Amino acid sequence: MLRATRAALGKVCVLAQVNAKGVTPATLSAVSAATQLDSNVTAVVSGKTAAEAMSKVAGVTKVIYSADASIEHDMAENWTEFVTGLQKSEDFSHILAPSSAFGSSVIPRLGAKLDSQPLTNISAVHGQDTFTRGTFAGNVVTKVQMKDAVKLMTVRGASFDKAAADSGSAEISEASAGEATAGSKWVSDETSSSDKPDLESASIVVSGGRGMKDPSNWHMVDSLAAKLGGAVGATRAVVDAEWVPSDLQVGQTGKVVAPDLYIACGISGAIQHVTGMKDSKTIVAINTDEDAPIMSIADYGLVADALTAVPELTGKL
């Protein structure tokens, strides 16, 4: 009988993010990806409070944290030095991070330090060294075999289920991150507060595009989202036109979402936008053009003017 050994399986690490609301959805997805490599996952975080939150995540069996101020604000240079030091003692075979600004900043730097070619935005795990990722804005799906000793990658959150955040009991240990490097330095954090659902974790998302014609009509998108208890999203064109803030942008250069229900109001379906929402469980498109690209991926398509259909739909809920 063949038996897989711990050495054969490797040692898997996830660079985790925890904010005031708890473990981020992108981190939970990264943990899910990591558990497909090994049932025992080590999470690395900043701060003891974050460590305690990560210790409860299903699949995480060990949490390493540092209370040093140098990594408190996700400064990539300092995190790189911290993880490089941990690698010397822990000898991780795989290091994963969410495909967030944090992960996309740290993983390439680790690649330079560890002489390893990172793989970005993986969407499937086929084995210890084989993964799938999208290229050319998702138009081409590539299956890649990694041969580096230490495999570095960022995880496309929408492609993996989120690990349960409250069913684990991992051991916690502390390590030193050292002093801050002479590179960038943290100045301040500025976050917007809102009582609306978070776009990246909402189960329902209502997005609007240029088909809403004018920013004065945007309240229709807001009203439908509020009626459904969902989050509001937008296309790049709408953001570029300054109708809405950039943090509402869904797409290749915005946020990637995979809600249970995605309603596209007046959105044509440019590949840049589709890349950020195509993994939604159910897609409803409202557009005057039945041949619009969004209709080809929609589960339900309504050929109608969004300016008429959206208020009617809201009124009937």
Protein backbone atom coordinates (compact mmCIF):
# COMPACT_ATOMS: atom_id res chain seq x y z
CA MET A 1 0.00 0.00 0.00
CA LEU A 2 1.33 3.44 -0.95
CA ARG A 3 1.19 6.13 1.69
CA ALA A 4 1.69 9.84 1.08
CA THR A 5 4.24 11.34 3.41
CA ARG A 6 4.41 14.88 4.76
CA ALA A 7 7.58 15.39 2.74
CA ALA A 8 5.80 14.33 -0.45
CA LEU A 9 2.88 16.61 0.23
CA GLY A 10 5.07 19.56 1.06
CA LYS A 11 4.52 22.35 3.52
CA VAL A 12 1.96 24.96 2.53
CA CYS A 13 1.79 28.55 3.72
CA VAL A 14 -0.81 31.27 3.20
CA LEU A 15 0.02 34.94 3.71
CA ALA A 16 -3.20 36.08 5.35
CA GLN A 17 -5.03 39.37 5.66
CA VAL A 18 -7.33 40.19 8.57
CA ASN A 19 -9.10 43.52 8.93
CA ALA A 20 -11.60 45.03 11.36
CA LYS A 21 -14.36 42.86 9.91
CA GLY A 22 -12.36 39.65 10.32
CA VAL A 23 -10.48 37.38 7.94
CA THR A 24 -10.88 38.78 4.43
CA PRO A 25 -12.91 36.74 1.91
CA ALA A 26 -9.90 36.61 -0.42
CA THR A 27 -7.82 35.03 2.35
CA LEU A 28 -10.51 32.40 3.02
CA SER A 29 -10.43 31.51 -0.68
CA ALA A 30 -6.64 31.28 -0.59
CA VAL A 31 -6.89 28.87 2.34
CA SER A 32 -9.33 26.72 0.34
CA ALA A 33 -6.83 26.57 -2.50
CA ALA A 34 -4.04 25.71 -0.06
CA THR A 35 -6.00 22.80 1.45
CA GLN A 36 -6.07 21.21 -2.00
CA LEU A 37 -2.30 20.96 -1.70
CA ASP A 38 -2.17 19.78 1.92
CA SER A 39 -4.70 19.36 4.71
CA ASN A 40 -2.29 21.10 7.08
CA VAL A 41 -1.90 24.78 6.25
CA THR A 42 0.26 27.37 7.99
CA ALA A 43 -1.04 30.94 7.99
CA VAL A 44 1.24 33.96 8.48
CA VAL A 45 -0.33 37.16 9.79
CA SER A 46 0.44 40.47 11.45
CA GLY A 47 -0.67 40.87 15.07
CA LYS A 48 -1.98 38.58 17.77
CA THR A 49 -5.64 39.51 17.25
CA ALA A 50 -5.34 38.54 13.60
CA ALA A 51 -3.63 35.31 14.60
CA GLU A 52 -6.50 34.40 16.89
CA ALA A 53 -8.97 34.99 14.05
CA MET A 54 -6.92 32.89 11.62
CA SER A 55 -6.61 30.05 14.12
CA LYS A 56 -10.36 29.46 13.76
CA VAL A 57 -10.28 29.06 9.97
CA ALA A 58 -10.96 25.54 8.75
CA GLY A 59 -7.87 23.90 7.26
CA VAL A 60 -5.38 26.09 9.12
CA THR A 61 -3.39 24.00 11.60
CA LYS A 62 -0.67 26.51 12.52
CA VAL A 63 -0.56 30.30 12.69
CA ILE A 64 2.65 32.31 12.83
CA TYR A 65 2.34 35.98 13.68
CA SER A 66 4.55 38.93 14.45
CA ALA A 67 3.57 41.81 16.67
CA ASP A 68 6.33 44.00 15.21
CA ALA A 69 5.19 47.34 13.83
CA SER A 70 7.22 46.82 10.63
CA ILE A 71 4.54 44.56 9.08
CA GLU A 72 1.49 46.03 10.80
CA HIS A 73 0.29 47.96 7.74
CA ASP A 74 1.00 45.38 5.03
CA MET A 75 4.14 47.10 3.78
CA ALA A 76 5.38 44.79 1.02
CA GLU A 77 9.11 45.33 1.58
CA ASN A 78 8.87 44.49 5.27
CA TRP A 79 6.60 41.49 4.69
CA THR A 80 9.08 40.18 2.13
CA GLU A 81 11.92 40.27 4.62
CA PHE A 82 9.71 38.64 7.27
CA VAL A 83 8.60 35.74 5.08
CA THR A 84 12.10 35.27 3.64
CA GLY A 85 13.35 34.79 7.20
CA LEU A 86 10.54 32.36 7.99
CA GLN A 87 11.33 30.35 4.88
CA LYS A 88 14.81 29.60 6.24
CA SER A 89 13.34 27.92 9.31
CA GLU A 90 10.01 26.60 8.02
CA ASP A 91 11.08 25.46 4.53
CA PHE A 92 7.70 25.95 2.88
CA SER A 93 7.13 24.16 -0.42
CA HIS A 94 4.26 26.46 -1.43
CA ILE A 95 3.55 30.06 -0.45
CA LEU A 96 0.15 31.42 -1.44
CA ALA A 97 -1.45 34.85 -1.05
CA PRO A 98 -4.73 36.42 -2.13
CA SER A 99 -4.76 38.22 -5.49
CA SER A 100 -5.12 41.51 -3.66
CA ALA A 101 -2.88 44.56 -3.70
CA PHE A 102 -1.10 42.98 -0.73
CA GLY A 103 -0.51 39.58 -2.31
CA SER A 104 0.36 41.03 -5.69
CA SER A 105 3.02 43.20 -4.05
CA VAL A 106 4.60 40.62 -1.75
CA ILE A 107 4.68 37.48 -3.93
CA PRO A 108 6.79 38.98 -6.78
CA ARG A 109 9.28 40.34 -4.24
CA LEU A 110 9.52 36.90 -2.65
CA GLY A 111 10.17 35.49 -6.11
CA ALA A 112 13.24 37.68 -6.41
CA LYS A 113 14.45 36.79 -2.92
CA LEU A 114 13.86 33.04 -3.27
CA ASP A 115 14.83 32.75 -6.95
CA SER A 116 11.41 31.41 -7.87
CA GLN A 117 9.03 32.36 -10.71
CA PRO A 118 5.64 33.33 -9.19
CA LEU A 119 2.36 32.24 -10.75
CA THR A 120 -0.40 34.83 -10.53
CA ASN A 121 -4.15 34.50 -10.24
CA ILE A 122 -4.44 30.71 -10.14
CA SER A 123 -8.00 29.45 -10.65
CA ALA A 124 -7.58 25.70 -10.12
CA VAL A 125 -5.22 23.25 -8.42
CA HIS A 126 -4.43 19.99 -10.26
CA GLY A 127 -1.58 18.72 -8.11
CA GLN A 128 1.46 19.73 -6.15
CA ASP A 129 3.04 21.47 -9.13
CA THR A 130 0.24 21.99 -11.69
CA PHE A 131 -2.23 24.87 -11.72
CA THR A 132 -4.64 26.71 -14.01
CA ARG A 133 -4.65 30.45 -14.56
CA GLY A 134 -6.34 32.76 -17.03
CA THR A 135 -4.39 34.93 -19.46
CA PHE A 136 -5.37 37.65 -21.92
CA ALA A 137 -8.17 38.89 -19.62
CA GLY A 138 -9.49 35.36 -19.21
CA ASN A 139 -9.77 34.66 -22.94
CA VAL A 140 -7.12 31.94 -22.68
CA VAL A 141 -6.99 29.39 -19.86
CA THR A 142 -3.50 28.02 -19.28
CA LYS A 143 -2.46 24.89 -17.39
CA VAL A 144 0.99 25.48 -15.93
CA GLN A 145 3.50 23.13 -14.33
CA MET A 146 5.85 24.79 -11.86
CA LYS A 147 9.31 23.32 -11.36
CA ASP A 148 10.80 25.70 -8.80
CA ALA A 149 11.58 24.25 -5.38
CA VAL A 150 9.44 26.89 -3.68
CA LYS A 151 6.18 27.52 -5.50
CA LEU A 152 4.86 31.07 -5.13
CA MET A 153 1.38 32.07 -6.27
CA THR A 154 -1.53 34.42 -5.84
CA VAL A 155 -5.05 32.98 -5.73
CA ARG A 156 -8.05 34.21 -7.71
CA GLY A 157 -10.60 34.36 -4.91
CA ALA A 158 -13.69 34.01 -7.10
CA SER A 159 -12.50 30.60 -8.32
CA PHE A 160 -12.42 28.92 -4.91
CA ASP A 161 -15.00 28.43 -2.17
CA LYS A 162 -14.33 30.31 1.04
CA ALA A 163 -13.04 28.26 3.95
CA ALA A 164 -15.22 28.27 7.05
CA ALA A 165 -14.02 31.07 9.32
CA ASP A 166 -15.14 29.62 12.65
CA SER A 167 -14.50 25.90 12.72
CA GLY A 168 -10.74 25.56 13.24
CA SER A 169 -8.42 25.37 16.24
CA ALA A 170 -4.87 25.98 15.05
CA GLU A 171 -1.82 26.38 17.24
CA ILE A 172 -0.38 29.90 17.41
CA SER A 173 3.28 30.89 17.62
CA GLU A 174 5.11 34.22 17.46
CA ALA A 175 8.08 35.23 15.34
CA SER A 176 10.07 38.41 14.92
CA ALA A 177 9.66 40.46 11.75
CA GLY A 178 12.57 42.73 12.59
CA GLU A 179 12.95 46.42 11.87
CA ALA A 180 11.39 48.22 8.94
CA THR A 181 13.46 48.43 5.76
CA ALA A 182 14.71 51.71 4.33
CA GLY A 183 12.20 51.53 1.44
CA SER A 184 8.61 52.69 1.61
CA LYS A 185 7.11 53.78 4.88
CA TRP A 186 3.55 53.80 6.12
CA VAL A 187 1.96 57.24 6.46
CA SER A 188 -1.73 56.65 7.09
CA ASP A 189 -4.71 54.46 6.28
CA GLU A 190 -7.80 56.03 4.78
CA THR A 191 -10.83 53.79 4.48
CA SER A 192 -14.40 54.65 3.61
CA SER A 193 -17.06 53.53 6.07
CA SER A 194 -20.40 52.28 4.79
CA ASP A 195 -23.33 50.30 6.08
CA LYS A 196 -23.78 48.73 2.63
CA PRO A 197 -22.65 45.14 1.91
CA ASP A 198 -19.02 44.70 0.90
CA LEU A 199 -18.75 44.33 -2.88
CA GLU A 200 -16.25 41.46 -2.84
CA SER A 201 -18.16 39.34 -0.31
CA ALA A 202 -21.82 40.21 -1.07
CA SER A 203 -24.12 37.37 -2.15
CA ILE A 204 -26.00 39.77 -4.46
CA VAL A 205 -24.41 42.42 -6.67
CA VAL A 206 -26.25 44.95 -8.84
CA SER A 207 -23.96 46.67 -11.34
CA GLY A 208 -24.57 49.50 -13.76
CA GLY A 209 -22.93 50.53 -17.00
CA ARG A 210 -23.12 53.29 -19.57
CA GLY A 211 -26.61 52.07 -20.43
CA MET A 212 -27.80 54.01 -17.38
CA LYS A 213 -27.18 57.04 -19.66
CA ASP A 214 -26.44 59.67 -17.00
CA PRO A 215 -25.17 59.83 -13.42
CA SER A 216 -28.53 61.29 -12.38
CA ASN A 217 -30.04 57.87 -13.13
CA TRP A 218 -27.61 55.96 -10.93
CA HIS A 219 -30.05 56.05 -8.01
CA MET A 220 -31.97 53.33 -9.86
CA VAL A 221 -29.04 50.93 -9.43
CA ASP A 222 -28.66 51.94 -5.79
CA SER A 223 -32.38 51.42 -5.11
CA LEU A 224 -32.48 47.94 -6.66
CA ALA A 225 -29.39 46.88 -4.73
CA ALA A 226 -30.86 48.23 -1.49
CA LYS A 227 -34.16 46.41 -2.09
CA LEU A 228 -32.30 43.13 -2.61
CA GLY A 229 -29.86 43.70 0.23
CA GLY A 230 -26.98 43.59 -2.23
CA ALA A 231 -23.84 45.53 -3.07
CA VAL A 232 -23.43 48.03 -5.90
CA GLY A 233 -20.90 47.55 -8.68
CA ALA A 234 -19.96 49.46 -11.82
CA THR A 235 -18.11 49.14 -15.10
CA ARG A 236 -14.79 50.80 -15.83
CA ALA A 237 -16.48 53.23 -18.24
CA VAL A 238 -18.77 54.48 -15.49
CA VAL A 239 -15.88 54.87 -13.07
CA ASP A 240 -13.74 56.66 -15.67
CA ALA A 241 -16.66 59.03 -16.29
CA GLU A 242 -16.61 59.74 -12.53
CA TRP A 243 -20.21 58.70 -11.98
CA VAL A 244 -19.19 56.53 -9.02
CA PRO A 245 -16.05 55.94 -6.89
CA SER A 246 -13.35 53.62 -8.22
CA ASP A 247 -13.85 51.13 -5.36
CA LEU A 248 -17.11 50.05 -7.05
CA GLN A 249 -15.40 48.95 -10.25
CA VAL A 250 -15.83 45.31 -11.20
CA GLY A 251 -13.45 43.84 -13.76
CA GLN A 252 -9.89 43.03 -14.68
CA THR A 253 -8.59 46.32 -13.28
CA GLY A 254 -11.19 46.45 -10.51
CA LYS A 255 -12.62 43.90 -8.13
CA VAL A 256 -13.35 40.26 -8.90
CA VAL A 257 -16.70 39.06 -7.56
CA ALA A 258 -18.59 35.78 -7.60
CA PRO A 259 -21.96 36.39 -5.90
CA ASP A 260 -24.96 34.07 -5.98
CA LEU A 261 -26.77 36.67 -8.08
CA TYR A 262 -25.26 39.30 -10.40
CA ILE A 263 -27.57 41.77 -12.11
CA ALA A 264 -26.01 43.74 -14.98
CA CYS A 265 -27.97 46.91 -15.75
CA GLY A 266 -27.14 48.56 -19.06
CA ILE A 267 -23.81 46.73 -19.35
CA SER A 268 -22.65 45.59 -22.80
CA GLY A 269 -20.18 42.99 -21.50
CA ALA A 270 -16.69 44.11 -22.45
CA ILE A 271 -14.13 41.40 -21.67
CA GLN A 272 -12.50 43.70 -19.11
CA HIS A 273 -15.74 43.67 -17.09
CA VAL A 274 -16.70 40.04 -17.72
CA THR A 275 -13.35 38.90 -16.31
CA GLY A 276 -14.40 40.26 -12.92
CA MET A 277 -17.88 38.71 -12.69
CA LYS A 278 -18.10 35.65 -14.94
CA ASP A 279 -17.88 33.23 -11.98
CA SER A 280 -21.16 34.53 -10.52
CA LYS A 281 -23.61 31.70 -9.82
CA THR A 282 -26.54 33.36 -11.63
CA ILE A 283 -26.19 36.28 -14.05
CA VAL A 284 -29.13 38.46 -15.08
CA ALA A 285 -28.55 40.97 -17.88
CA ILE A 286 -30.77 43.93 -18.78
CA ASN A 287 -29.82 45.45 -22.12
CA THR A 288 -31.54 46.89 -25.18
CA ASP A 289 -29.24 44.88 -27.47
CA GLU A 290 -30.03 41.17 -27.52
CA ASP A 291 -26.69 40.53 -29.23
CA ALA A 292 -24.63 42.32 -26.58
CA PRO A 293 -21.72 40.16 -25.30
CA ILE A 294 -23.19 40.14 -21.77
CA MET A 295 -26.18 38.18 -23.11
CA SER A 296 -23.95 35.27 -24.14
CA ILE A 297 -22.89 34.60 -20.54
CA ALA A 298 -26.17 35.56 -18.84
CA ASP A 299 -28.44 32.90 -17.37
CA TYR A 300 -31.36 35.26 -17.89
CA GLY A 301 -31.44 38.11 -20.38
CA LEU A 302 -34.04 40.86 -20.51
CA VAL A 303 -34.06 42.86 -23.75
CA ALA A 304 -35.23 46.19 -22.42
CA ASP A 305 -34.12 49.70 -21.56
CA ALA A 306 -32.50 49.58 -18.13
CA LEU A 307 -33.94 53.01 -17.34
CA THR A 308 -37.42 51.49 -17.56
CA ALA A 309 -36.82 47.91 -16.46
CA VAL A 310 -34.75 48.60 -13.32
CA PRO A 311 -37.34 50.86 -11.61
CA GLU A 312 -40.13 48.43 -12.57
CA LEU A 313 -38.21 45.51 -11.11
CA THR A 314 -37.49 47.46 -7.94
CA GLY A 315 -41.16 48.38 -7.58
CA LYS A 316 -42.25 44.76 -7.79
CA LEU A 317 -39.91 43.52 -5.06
